[in-house]
């Protein structure tokens, strides 16, 4: 059984000035995650490593570089899920955590709950000795300037994904050499969101889902739309009905567009190692590592190939 890892850096109208850095970032994350798999690590360890890499990269809207809410504050959401056991951990509206995906994993492994939010999540982080950072260190200069520029912007968030300042989510899916799948998703949400707003990313079955019987998915796009159609689970429902991971992803995203006029993207992997990176937005930075090959793309139908070593 050959291991596979796929990552995305968010589906939105990525401007040309961020294009190269976005693709470089997802390729770096894919390499980091795949090293874990190549060394015999689990899919769970691999998706956490990949998403941490993306959270640490200020190009992406997660961890460092996250978007700001209407009050100019960072509020972060993340989820991680183990397809072997269906165990899952999530956090929402956390403020001073550089790697929310790792805190989500701690929720999964050290509590009997699935999601902790806001103050409770931060109190839990302190109780297990999780390192915190000053919230200001998570705010990039680019994001602060964008927030200042757009803080009076009144157009609906559905339209944001067709503008060049929507920004979005990061995620990873993997299958390891034992055939176990896992997923992780992390985000700073939508710029200028209401305080306390939580989108799809940390919600099981919406922003992510993993099940060894069908596969693993991480979603990106307009959070409220994804929540309405439970996108991650919808994709895997199509897989369970016999569709390929590529067709299942396309069908679900097409349904979301038609039913609730929402755009987005998803990365999907099957327990047998089939994978897809699919999106209905203008662009989505993604990368996939399998065997000795690193695939990547940004624009529709783009699929570049290079040596992984």
C-alpha atoms as a PDB file:
ATOM      1  CA  UNK A   1       0.000   0.000   0.000  1.00  0.00           C
ATOM      2  CA  UNK A   2       1.593   3.268  -1.121  1.00  0.00           C
ATOM      3  CA  UNK A   3       1.038   6.323   1.055  1.00  0.00           C
ATOM      4  CA  UNK A   4      -0.429   9.568  -0.323  1.00  0.00           C
ATOM      5  CA  UNK A   5      -0.758  13.084   1.105  1.00  0.00           C
ATOM      6  CA  UNK A   6      -2.656  16.016  -0.423  1.00  0.00           C
ATOM      7  CA  UNK A   7      -2.751  19.599   0.872  1.00  0.00           C
ATOM      8  CA  UNK A   8      -4.589  22.790  -0.075  1.00  0.00           C
ATOM      9  CA  UNK A   9      -3.960  26.426   0.773  1.00  0.00           C
ATOM     10  CA  UNK A  10      -7.497  27.682   0.227  1.00  0.00           C
ATOM     11  CA  UNK A  11      -9.894  28.114  -2.692  1.00  0.00           C
ATOM     12  CA  UNK A  12     -10.378  31.775  -3.632  1.00  0.00           C
ATOM     13  CA  UNK A  13      -9.377  34.397  -6.197  1.00  0.00           C
ATOM     14  CA  UNK A  14      -5.674  34.195  -5.337  1.00  0.00           C
ATOM     15  CA  UNK A  15      -4.003  37.337  -6.751  1.00  0.00           C
ATOM     16  CA  UNK A  16      -0.962  36.985  -8.987  1.00  0.00           C
ATOM     17  CA  UNK A  17       1.309  38.542  -6.380  1.00  0.00           C
ATOM     18  CA  UNK A  18       0.518  35.678  -3.979  1.00  0.00           C
ATOM     19  CA  UNK A  19       0.388  32.900  -6.571  1.00  0.00           C
ATOM     20  CA  UNK A  20       4.005  31.739  -6.474  1.00  0.00           C
ATOM     21  CA  UNK A  21       4.249  31.919  -2.680  1.00  0.00           C
ATOM     22  CA  UNK A  22       0.973  30.011  -2.338  1.00  0.00           C
ATOM     23  CA  UNK A  23       2.130  27.163  -4.560  1.00  0.00           C
ATOM     24  CA  UNK A  24       5.559  27.072  -2.915  1.00  0.00           C
ATOM     25  CA  UNK A  25       3.846  26.941   0.482  1.00  0.00           C
ATOM     26  CA  UNK A  26       1.614  23.988  -0.324  1.00  0.00           C
ATOM     27  CA  UNK A  27       4.499  22.108  -1.923  1.00  0.00           C
ATOM     28  CA  UNK A  28       6.624  22.633   1.200  1.00  0.00           C
ATOM     29  CA  UNK A  29       3.754  21.433   3.386  1.00  0.00           C
ATOM     30  CA  UNK A  30       3.206  18.366   1.199  1.00  0.00           C
ATOM     31  CA  UNK A  31       6.891  17.465   1.431  1.00  0.00           C
ATOM     32  CA  UNK A  32       6.853  17.826   5.226  1.00  0.00           C
ATOM     33  CA  UNK A  33       3.776  15.687   5.592  1.00  0.00           C
ATOM     34  CA  UNK A  34       5.009  13.051   3.178  1.00  0.00           C
ATOM     35  CA  UNK A  35       8.313  12.681   5.033  1.00  0.00           C
ATOM     36  CA  UNK A  36       6.232  11.498   7.992  1.00  0.00           C
ATOM     37  CA  UNK A  37       4.505   8.879   5.831  1.00  0.00           C
ATOM     38  CA  UNK A  38       7.730   7.788   4.155  1.00  0.00           C
ATOM     39  CA  UNK A  39       9.284   7.198   7.573  1.00  0.00           C
ATOM     40  CA  UNK A  40       6.403   4.912   8.546  1.00  0.00           C
ATOM     41  CA  UNK A  41       4.349   7.529  10.399  1.00  0.00           C
ATOM     42  CA  UNK A  42       0.571   7.568  10.557  1.00  0.00           C
ATOM     43  CA  UNK A  43      -1.793   9.514   8.335  1.00  0.00           C
ATOM     44  CA  UNK A  44      -2.828  11.444  11.451  1.00  0.00           C
ATOM     45  CA  UNK A  45       0.759  12.536  12.151  1.00  0.00           C
ATOM     46  CA  UNK A  46       1.239  13.448   8.491  1.00  0.00           C
ATOM     47  CA  UNK A  47      -1.809  15.726   8.163  1.00  0.00           C
ATOM     48  CA  UNK A  48      -0.916  17.482  11.419  1.00  0.00           C
ATOM     49  CA  UNK A  49       2.651  18.102  10.208  1.00  0.00           C
ATOM     50  CA  UNK A  50       1.437  19.411   6.853  1.00  0.00           C
ATOM     51  CA  UNK A  51      -1.161  21.746   8.337  1.00  0.00           C
ATOM     52  CA  UNK A  52       1.293  23.061  10.942  1.00  0.00           C
ATOM     53  CA  UNK A  53       3.582  24.017   8.060  1.00  0.00           C
ATOM     54  CA  UNK A  54       0.735  25.954   6.450  1.00  0.00           C
ATOM     55  CA  UNK A  55      -0.247  27.577   9.775  1.00  0.00           C
ATOM     56  CA  UNK A  56       3.342  28.772  10.193  1.00  0.00           C
ATOM     57  CA  UNK A  57       3.368  30.359   6.723  1.00  0.00           C
ATOM     58  CA  UNK A  58       1.983  33.925   6.708  1.00  0.00           C
ATOM     59  CA  UNK A  59       0.828  33.544   3.087  1.00  0.00           C
ATOM     60  CA  UNK A  60      -2.109  31.453   4.319  1.00  0.00           C
ATOM     61  CA  UNK A  61      -5.166  32.302   6.402  1.00  0.00           C
ATOM     62  CA  UNK A  62      -4.447  30.019   9.365  1.00  0.00           C
ATOM     63  CA  UNK A  63      -2.269  30.474  12.437  1.00  0.00           C
ATOM     64  CA  UNK A  64       0.305  33.095  11.423  1.00  0.00           C
ATOM     65  CA  UNK A  65      -1.238  35.314   8.746  1.00  0.00           C
ATOM     66  CA  UNK A  66      -4.863  34.716   9.780  1.00  0.00           C
ATOM     67  CA  UNK A  67      -7.566  37.187   8.837  1.00  0.00           C
ATOM     68  CA  UNK A  68      -9.016  39.628  11.370  1.00  0.00           C
ATOM     69  CA  UNK A  69     -12.605  39.861  12.568  1.00  0.00           C
ATOM     70  CA  UNK A  70     -14.673  43.041  12.646  1.00  0.00           C
ATOM     71  CA  UNK A  71     -12.903  44.143  15.849  1.00  0.00           C
ATOM     72  CA  UNK A  72      -9.464  43.574  14.302  1.00  0.00           C
ATOM     73  CA  UNK A  73      -8.845  40.392  16.306  1.00  0.00           C
ATOM     74  CA  UNK A  74      -7.656  36.916  15.347  1.00  0.00           C
ATOM     75  CA  UNK A  75     -10.089  34.033  15.950  1.00  0.00           C
ATOM     76  CA  UNK A  76      -8.853  30.639  14.779  1.00  0.00           C
ATOM     77  CA  UNK A  77     -10.663  27.361  14.049  1.00  0.00           C
ATOM     78  CA  UNK A  78      -9.261  23.879  13.361  1.00  0.00           C
ATOM     79  CA  UNK A  79     -10.193  20.201  13.188  1.00  0.00           C
ATOM     80  CA  UNK A  80      -8.385  16.875  12.901  1.00  0.00           C
ATOM     81  CA  UNK A  81      -9.936  13.428  12.411  1.00  0.00           C
ATOM     82  CA  UNK A  82      -8.730   9.836  12.457  1.00  0.00           C
ATOM     83  CA  UNK A  83     -10.483   7.669   9.864  1.00  0.00           C
ATOM     84  CA  UNK A  84      -9.539   4.443  11.625  1.00  0.00           C
ATOM     85  CA  UNK A  85     -11.472   5.183  14.828  1.00  0.00           C
ATOM     86  CA  UNK A  86     -13.614   8.193  13.810  1.00  0.00           C
ATOM     87  CA  UNK A  87     -12.022  10.028  16.727  1.00  0.00           C
ATOM     88  CA  UNK A  88     -12.017  13.765  16.136  1.00  0.00           C
ATOM     89  CA  UNK A  89     -10.898  16.959  17.865  1.00  0.00           C
ATOM     90  CA  UNK A  90     -11.699  20.575  17.057  1.00  0.00           C
ATOM     91  CA  UNK A  91     -11.274  24.091  18.401  1.00  0.00           C
ATOM     92  CA  UNK A  92     -12.993  27.327  17.439  1.00  0.00           C
ATOM     93  CA  UNK A  93     -12.478  31.032  18.154  1.00  0.00           C
ATOM     94  CA  UNK A  94      -9.086  30.568  19.818  1.00  0.00           C
ATOM     95  CA  UNK A  95      -6.918  33.647  19.955  1.00  0.00           C
ATOM     96  CA  UNK A  96      -3.300  33.071  20.930  1.00  0.00           C
ATOM     97  CA  UNK A  97      -2.468  29.616  19.571  1.00  0.00           C
ATOM     98  CA  UNK A  98       0.014  29.454  16.702  1.00  0.00           C
ATOM     99  CA  UNK A  99      -0.939  25.894  15.706  1.00  0.00           C
ATOM    100  CA  UNK A 100      -4.641  25.313  16.340  1.00  0.00           C
ATOM    101  CA  UNK A 101      -4.498  21.961  14.541  1.00  0.00           C
ATOM    102  CA  UNK A 102      -2.255  20.600  17.302  1.00  0.00           C
ATOM    103  CA  UNK A 103      -4.619  21.930  19.963  1.00  0.00           C
ATOM    104  CA  UNK A 104      -7.471  20.206  18.130  1.00  0.00           C
ATOM    105  CA  UNK A 105      -5.507  16.958  18.294  1.00  0.00           C
ATOM    106  CA  UNK A 106      -5.010  17.462  22.036  1.00  0.00           C
ATOM    107  CA  UNK A 107      -8.789  17.854  22.416  1.00  0.00           C
ATOM    108  CA  UNK A 108      -9.192  14.551  20.565  1.00  0.00           C
ATOM    109  CA  UNK A 109      -6.607  12.671  22.593  1.00  0.00           C
ATOM    110  CA  UNK A 110      -6.905  14.223  26.059  1.00  0.00           C
ATOM    111  CA  UNK A 111     -10.624  14.921  26.503  1.00  0.00           C
ATOM    112  CA  UNK A 112     -13.905  13.061  25.987  1.00  0.00           C
ATOM    113  CA  UNK A 113     -15.179  15.925  23.818  1.00  0.00           C
ATOM    114  CA  UNK A 114     -14.913  16.755  20.133  1.00  0.00           C
ATOM    115  CA  UNK A 115     -14.948  20.574  20.113  1.00  0.00           C
ATOM    116  CA  UNK A 116     -13.856  23.251  22.566  1.00  0.00           C
ATOM    117  CA  UNK A 117     -14.446  26.914  21.816  1.00  0.00           C
ATOM    118  CA  UNK A 118     -13.173  30.365  22.807  1.00  0.00           C
ATOM    119  CA  UNK A 119     -12.180  30.795  26.425  1.00  0.00           C
ATOM    120  CA  UNK A 120     -12.719  27.110  27.182  1.00  0.00           C
ATOM    121  CA  UNK A 121     -10.328  26.062  24.431  1.00  0.00           C
ATOM    122  CA  UNK A 122      -7.691  28.494  25.675  1.00  0.00           C
ATOM    123  CA  UNK A 123      -8.137  27.322  29.285  1.00  0.00           C
ATOM    124  CA  UNK A 124      -7.713  23.731  28.111  1.00  0.00           C
ATOM    125  CA  UNK A 125      -4.570  24.719  26.217  1.00  0.00           C
ATOM    126  CA  UNK A 126      -3.112  26.166  29.422  1.00  0.00           C
ATOM    127  CA  UNK A 127      -4.103  23.103  31.460  1.00  0.00           C
ATOM    128  CA  UNK A 128      -2.168  20.727  29.196  1.00  0.00           C
ATOM    129  CA  UNK A 129       0.847  23.021  28.932  1.00  0.00           C
ATOM    130  CA  UNK A 130       0.176  24.070  25.359  1.00  0.00           C
ATOM    131  CA  UNK A 131       2.400  26.970  24.385  1.00  0.00           C
ATOM    132  CA  UNK A 132       0.666  30.245  23.612  1.00  0.00           C
ATOM    133  CA  UNK A 133       1.910  33.277  21.727  1.00  0.00           C
ATOM    134  CA  UNK A 134       1.001  36.968  21.887  1.00  0.00           C
ATOM    135  CA  UNK A 135      -1.926  37.321  19.495  1.00  0.00           C
ATOM    136  CA  UNK A 136      -0.265  40.241  17.722  1.00  0.00           C
ATOM    137  CA  UNK A 137       2.506  37.914  16.534  1.00  0.00           C
ATOM    138  CA  UNK A 138      -0.078  36.009  14.466  1.00  0.00           C
ATOM    139  CA  UNK A 139      -1.062  39.126  12.497  1.00  0.00           C
ATOM    140  CA  UNK A 140       0.900  39.718   9.313  1.00  0.00           C
ATOM    141  CA  UNK A 141       1.601  43.228   8.035  1.00  0.00           C
ATOM    142  CA  UNK A 142      -0.285  42.322   4.859  1.00  0.00           C
ATOM    143  CA  UNK A 143      -3.389  41.279   6.797  1.00  0.00           C
ATOM    144  CA  UNK A 144      -3.380  44.363   9.027  1.00  0.00           C
ATOM    145  CA  UNK A 145      -3.229  46.604   5.949  1.00  0.00           C
ATOM    146  CA  UNK A 146      -5.974  44.643   4.185  1.00  0.00           C
ATOM    147  CA  UNK A 147      -8.206  44.820   7.257  1.00  0.00           C
ATOM    148  CA  UNK A 148      -7.727  48.583   7.505  1.00  0.00           C
ATOM    149  CA  UNK A 149      -8.492  48.942   3.824  1.00  0.00           C
ATOM    150  CA  UNK A 150     -11.644  46.838   3.920  1.00  0.00           C
ATOM    151  CA  UNK A 151     -13.069  47.323   7.403  1.00  0.00           C
ATOM    152  CA  UNK A 152     -15.954  49.349   5.987  1.00  0.00           C
ATOM    153  CA  UNK A 153     -16.572  46.901   3.151  1.00  0.00           C
ATOM    154  CA  UNK A 154     -20.271  46.019   3.051  1.00  0.00           C
ATOM    155  CA  UNK A 155     -20.593  43.548   0.178  1.00  0.00           C
ATOM    156  CA  UNK A 156     -21.838  40.103   1.212  1.00  0.00           C
ATOM    157  CA  UNK A 157     -19.289  37.434   2.021  1.00  0.00           C
ATOM    158  CA  UNK A 158     -20.587  35.242  -0.793  1.00  0.00           C
ATOM    159  CA  UNK A 159     -19.099  37.771  -3.202  1.00  0.00           C
ATOM    160  CA  UNK A 160     -15.816  37.849  -1.307  1.00  0.00           C
ATOM    161  CA  UNK A 161     -14.641  34.634  -2.899  1.00  0.00           C
ATOM    162  CA  UNK A 162     -14.741  36.358  -6.267  1.00  0.00           C
ATOM    163  CA  UNK A 163     -12.581  39.217  -5.009  1.00  0.00           C
ATOM    164  CA  UNK A 164      -8.882  39.226  -4.346  1.00  0.00           C
ATOM    165  CA  UNK A 165      -9.095  39.700  -0.619  1.00  0.00           C
ATOM    166  CA  UNK A 166     -11.301  36.847   0.563  1.00  0.00           C
ATOM    167  CA  UNK A 167      -8.418  34.631   1.635  1.00  0.00           C
ATOM    168  CA  UNK A 168      -9.251  31.246   3.075  1.00  0.00           C
ATOM    169  CA  UNK A 169      -8.550  27.933   4.757  1.00  0.00           C
ATOM    170  CA  UNK A 170      -5.755  25.315   4.712  1.00  0.00           C
ATOM    171  CA  UNK A 171      -6.030  21.562   4.965  1.00  0.00           C
ATOM    172  CA  UNK A 172      -4.524  18.138   4.398  1.00  0.00           C
ATOM    173  CA  UNK A 173      -5.690  14.573   3.796  1.00  0.00           C
ATOM    174  CA  UNK A 174      -3.594  11.416   3.812  1.00  0.00           C
ATOM    175  CA  UNK A 175      -3.632   7.651   3.621  1.00  0.00           C
ATOM    176  CA  UNK A 176      -0.723   5.792   5.223  1.00  0.00           C
ATOM    177  CA  UNK A 177       0.933   2.464   4.381  1.00  0.00           C
ATOM    178  CA  UNK A 178      -1.540   0.673   6.649  1.00  0.00           C
ATOM    179  CA  UNK A 179      -4.504   2.028   4.701  1.00  0.00           C
ATOM    180  CA  UNK A 180      -5.626   4.400   7.436  1.00  0.00           C
ATOM    181  CA  UNK A 181      -6.921   7.825   6.369  1.00  0.00           C
ATOM    182  CA  UNK A 182      -6.941  11.151   8.222  1.00  0.00           C
ATOM    183  CA  UNK A 183      -7.784  14.787   7.587  1.00  0.00           C
ATOM    184  CA  UNK A 184      -7.117  18.197   9.106  1.00  0.00           C
ATOM    185  CA  UNK A 185      -8.407  21.702   8.353  1.00  0.00           C
ATOM    186  CA  UNK A 186      -7.413  25.065   9.874  1.00  0.00           C
ATOM    187  CA  UNK A 187      -8.516  28.651   9.243  1.00  0.00           C
ATOM    188  CA  UNK A 188      -8.725  32.231  10.431  1.00  0.00           C
ATOM    189  CA  UNK A 189     -12.187  32.499   8.891  1.00  0.00           C
ATOM    190  CA  UNK A 190     -13.525  35.358   6.792  1.00  0.00           C
ATOM    191  CA  UNK A 191     -12.083  38.852   7.083  1.00  0.00           C
ATOM    192  CA  UNK A 192     -14.379  41.258   8.964  1.00  0.00           C
ATOM    193  CA  UNK A 193     -16.500  38.378  10.284  1.00  0.00           C
ATOM    194  CA  UNK A 194     -18.636  39.021  13.363  1.00  0.00           C
ATOM    195  CA  UNK A 195     -16.959  38.295  16.692  1.00  0.00           C
ATOM    196  CA  UNK A 196     -17.576  34.645  17.556  1.00  0.00           C
ATOM    197  CA  UNK A 197     -18.476  33.602  14.011  1.00  0.00           C
ATOM    198  CA  UNK A 198     -17.555  29.984  13.310  1.00  0.00           C
ATOM    199  CA  UNK A 199     -17.611  28.619   9.775  1.00  0.00           C
ATOM    200  CA  UNK A 200     -17.370  25.121   8.398  1.00  0.00           C
ATOM    201  CA  UNK A 201     -13.716  24.383   9.107  1.00  0.00           C
ATOM    202  CA  UNK A 202     -13.938  22.951  12.653  1.00  0.00           C
ATOM    203  CA  UNK A 203     -17.326  21.279  12.131  1.00  0.00           C
ATOM    204  CA  UNK A 204     -17.173  17.519  11.628  1.00  0.00           C
ATOM    205  CA  UNK A 205     -18.654  16.460   8.288  1.00  0.00           C
ATOM    206  CA  UNK A 206     -18.486  19.994   6.912  1.00  0.00           C
ATOM    207  CA  UNK A 207     -14.931  21.319   6.889  1.00  0.00           C
ATOM    208  CA  UNK A 208     -13.455  17.832   7.114  1.00  0.00           C
ATOM    209  CA  UNK A 209     -14.268  14.158   7.524  1.00  0.00           C
ATOM    210  CA  UNK A 210     -12.302  10.923   7.528  1.00  0.00           C
ATOM    211  CA  UNK A 211     -13.482   7.314   7.521  1.00  0.00           C
ATOM    212  CA  UNK A 212     -11.424   4.283   6.546  1.00  0.00           C
ATOM    213  CA  UNK A 213     -14.504   2.852   4.821  1.00  0.00           C
ATOM    214  CA  UNK A 214     -14.727   5.719   2.305  1.00  0.00           C
ATOM    215  CA  UNK A 215     -11.875   8.234   2.481  1.00  0.00           C
ATOM    216  CA  UNK A 216     -10.800  11.599   3.853  1.00  0.00           C
ATOM    217  CA  UNK A 217     -11.772  15.135   2.814  1.00  0.00           C
ATOM    218  CA  UNK A 218     -10.706  18.679   3.705  1.00  0.00           C
ATOM    219  CA  UNK A 219     -12.870  21.519   2.403  1.00  0.00           C
ATOM    220  CA  UNK A 220     -12.330  25.192   1.669  1.00  0.00           C
ATOM    221  CA  UNK A 221     -14.534  28.027   0.478  1.00  0.00           C
ATOM    222  CA  UNK A 222     -17.572  29.928   1.714  1.00  0.00           C
ATOM    223  CA  UNK A 223     -18.115  28.484   5.183  1.00  0.00           C
ATOM    224  CA  UNK A 224     -21.845  29.074   5.507  1.00  0.00           C
ATOM    225  CA  UNK A 225     -22.452  27.366   2.156  1.00  0.00           C
ATOM    226  CA  UNK A 226     -20.287  24.392   3.118  1.00  0.00           C
ATOM    227  CA  UNK A 227     -22.165  24.061   6.411  1.00  0.00           C
ATOM    228  CA  UNK A 228     -25.535  24.025   4.652  1.00  0.00           C
ATOM    229  CA  UNK A 229     -24.620  21.056   2.456  1.00  0.00           C
ATOM    230  CA  UNK A 230     -22.255  19.269   4.915  1.00  0.00           C
ATOM    231  CA  UNK A 231     -19.758  19.226   2.061  1.00  0.00           C
ATOM    232  CA  UNK A 232     -17.121  16.811   3.370  1.00  0.00           C
ATOM    233  CA  UNK A 233     -19.665  14.133   4.216  1.00  0.00           C
ATOM    234  CA  UNK A 234     -21.555  14.786   0.985  1.00  0.00           C
ATOM    235  CA  UNK A 235     -18.417  14.043  -1.024  1.00  0.00           C
ATOM    236  CA  UNK A 236     -17.828  10.786   0.836  1.00  0.00           C
ATOM    237  CA  UNK A 237     -21.492   9.831   0.408  1.00  0.00           C
ATOM    238  CA  UNK A 238     -20.944   9.986  -3.350  1.00  0.00           C
ATOM    239  CA  UNK A 239     -17.811   7.845  -2.947  1.00  0.00           C
ATOM    240  CA  UNK A 240     -19.822   5.291  -0.973  1.00  0.00           C
ATOM    241  CA  UNK A 241     -22.283   5.179  -3.868  1.00  0.00           C
ATOM    242  CA  UNK A 242     -19.485   4.189  -6.243  1.00  0.00           C
ATOM    243  CA  UNK A 243     -18.246   7.498  -7.622  1.00  0.00           C
ATOM    244  CA  UNK A 244     -14.515   8.159  -8.005  1.00  0.00           C
ATOM    245  CA  UNK A 245     -13.005  10.677  -5.574  1.00  0.00           C
ATOM    246  CA  UNK A 246     -12.698  13.177  -8.437  1.00  0.00           C
ATOM    247  CA  UNK A 247     -16.303  12.772  -9.610  1.00  0.00           C
ATOM    248  CA  UNK A 248     -17.624  12.729  -6.034  1.00  0.00           C
ATOM    249  CA  UNK A 249     -15.866  16.010  -5.273  1.00  0.00           C
ATOM    250  CA  UNK A 250     -17.085  17.632  -8.486  1.00  0.00           C
ATOM    251  CA  UNK A 251     -20.687  16.492  -7.960  1.00  0.00           C
ATOM    252  CA  UNK A 252     -20.783  17.810  -4.394  1.00  0.00           C
ATOM    253  CA  UNK A 253     -19.227  21.169  -5.272  1.00  0.00           C
ATOM    254  CA  UNK A 254     -21.568  21.511  -8.249  1.00  0.00           C
ATOM    255  CA  UNK A 255     -24.536  20.800  -5.948  1.00  0.00           C
ATOM    256  CA  UNK A 256     -23.332  23.434  -3.474  1.00  0.00           C
ATOM    257  CA  UNK A 257     -23.098  25.972  -6.281  1.00  0.00           C
ATOM    258  CA  UNK A 258     -26.552  25.194  -7.616  1.00  0.00           C
ATOM    259  CA  UNK A 259     -28.332  24.766  -4.282  1.00  0.00           C
ATOM    260  CA  UNK A 260     -26.888  27.607  -2.192  1.00  0.00           C
ATOM    261  CA  UNK A 261     -24.781  29.533  -4.750  1.00  0.00           C
ATOM    262  CA  UNK A 262     -21.582  28.789  -2.839  1.00  0.00           C
ATOM    263  CA  UNK A 263     -18.099  28.344  -4.292  1.00  0.00           C
ATOM    264  CA  UNK A 264     -15.284  26.327  -2.789  1.00  0.00           C
ATOM    265  CA  UNK A 265     -12.877  23.463  -3.108  1.00  0.00           C
ATOM    266  CA  UNK A 266     -11.928  20.121  -1.614  1.00  0.00           C
ATOM    267  CA  UNK A 267      -9.076  17.653  -1.463  1.00  0.00           C
ATOM    268  CA  UNK A 268     -10.053  14.004  -1.201  1.00  0.00           C
ATOM    269  CA  UNK A 269      -8.172  10.729  -0.790  1.00  0.00           C
ATOM    270  CA  UNK A 270      -9.490   7.178  -0.811  1.00  0.00           C
ATOM    271  CA  UNK A 271      -8.217   4.294   1.364  1.00  0.00           C
ATOM    272  CA  UNK A 272      -6.716   2.792  -1.812  1.00  0.00           C
ATOM    273  CA  UNK A 273      -4.675   5.946  -2.511  1.00  0.00           C
ATOM    274  CA  UNK A 274      -6.778   7.593  -5.212  1.00  0.00           C
ATOM    275  CA  UNK A 275      -6.868  11.376  -4.740  1.00  0.00           C
ATOM    276  CA  UNK A 276      -8.368  14.552  -6.164  1.00  0.00           C
ATOM    277  CA  UNK A 277      -8.007  18.324  -5.777  1.00  0.00           C
ATOM    278  CA  UNK A 278     -11.173  20.032  -7.016  1.00  0.00           C
ATOM    279  CA  UNK A 279     -12.475  23.602  -6.872  1.00  0.00           C
ATOM    280  CA  UNK A 280     -15.138  25.924  -8.295  1.00  0.00           C
ATOM    281  CA  UNK A 281     -13.414  29.184  -7.310  1.00  0.00           C
ATOM    282  CA  UNK A 282     -10.992  30.999  -9.602  1.00  0.00           C
ATOM    283  CA  UNK A 283      -7.973  29.324  -8.047  1.00  0.00           C
ATOM    284  CA  UNK A 284      -6.874  26.892  -5.344  1.00  0.00           C
ATOM    285  CA  UNK A 285      -3.266  26.228  -4.384  1.00  0.00           C
ATOM    286  CA  UNK A 286      -2.771  22.488  -3.851  1.00  0.00           C
ATOM    287  CA  UNK A 287      -0.060  19.841  -3.839  1.00  0.00           C
ATOM    288  CA  UNK A 288      -0.052  16.045  -3.670  1.00  0.00           C
ATOM    289  CA  UNK A 289       2.797  13.685  -2.801  1.00  0.00           C
ATOM    290  CA  UNK A 290       2.805  10.023  -3.790  1.00  0.00           C
ATOM    291  CA  UNK A 291       5.643   7.591  -4.432  1.00  0.00           C
ATOM    292  CA  UNK A 292       8.476   9.798  -5.744  1.00  0.00           C
ATOM    293  CA  UNK A 293       6.242  12.397  -7.402  1.00  0.00           C
ATOM    294  CA  UNK A 294       5.044  15.812  -6.236  1.00  0.00           C
ATOM    295  CA  UNK A 295       2.007  17.154  -8.092  1.00  0.00           C
ATOM    296  CA  UNK A 296       0.808  20.752  -7.742  1.00  0.00           C
ATOM    297  CA  UNK A 297      -1.585  23.265  -9.214  1.00  0.00           C
ATOM    298  CA  UNK A 298      -3.234  26.654  -8.869  1.00  0.00           C
ATOM    299  CA  UNK A 299      -5.445  27.345 -11.892  1.00  0.00           C
ATOM    300  CA  UNK A 300      -8.265  25.122 -13.208  1.00  0.00           C
ATOM    301  CA  UNK A 301      -6.990  21.955 -14.922  1.00  0.00           C
ATOM    302  CA  UNK A 302      -3.395  22.798 -13.963  1.00  0.00           C
ATOM    303  CA  UNK A 303      -1.389  19.760 -12.845  1.00  0.00           C
ATOM    304  CA  UNK A 304       2.377  20.096 -12.658  1.00  0.00           C
ATOM    305  CA  UNK A 305       4.675  17.172 -11.911  1.00  0.00           C
ATOM    306  CA  UNK A 306       8.133  17.124 -10.351  1.00  0.00           C
ATOM    307  CA  UNK A 307      10.442  14.763  -8.543  1.00  0.00           C
ATOM    308  CA  UNK A 308       9.733  14.524  -4.838  1.00  0.00           C
ATOM    309  CA  UNK A 309      13.337  13.792  -3.836  1.00  0.00           C
END
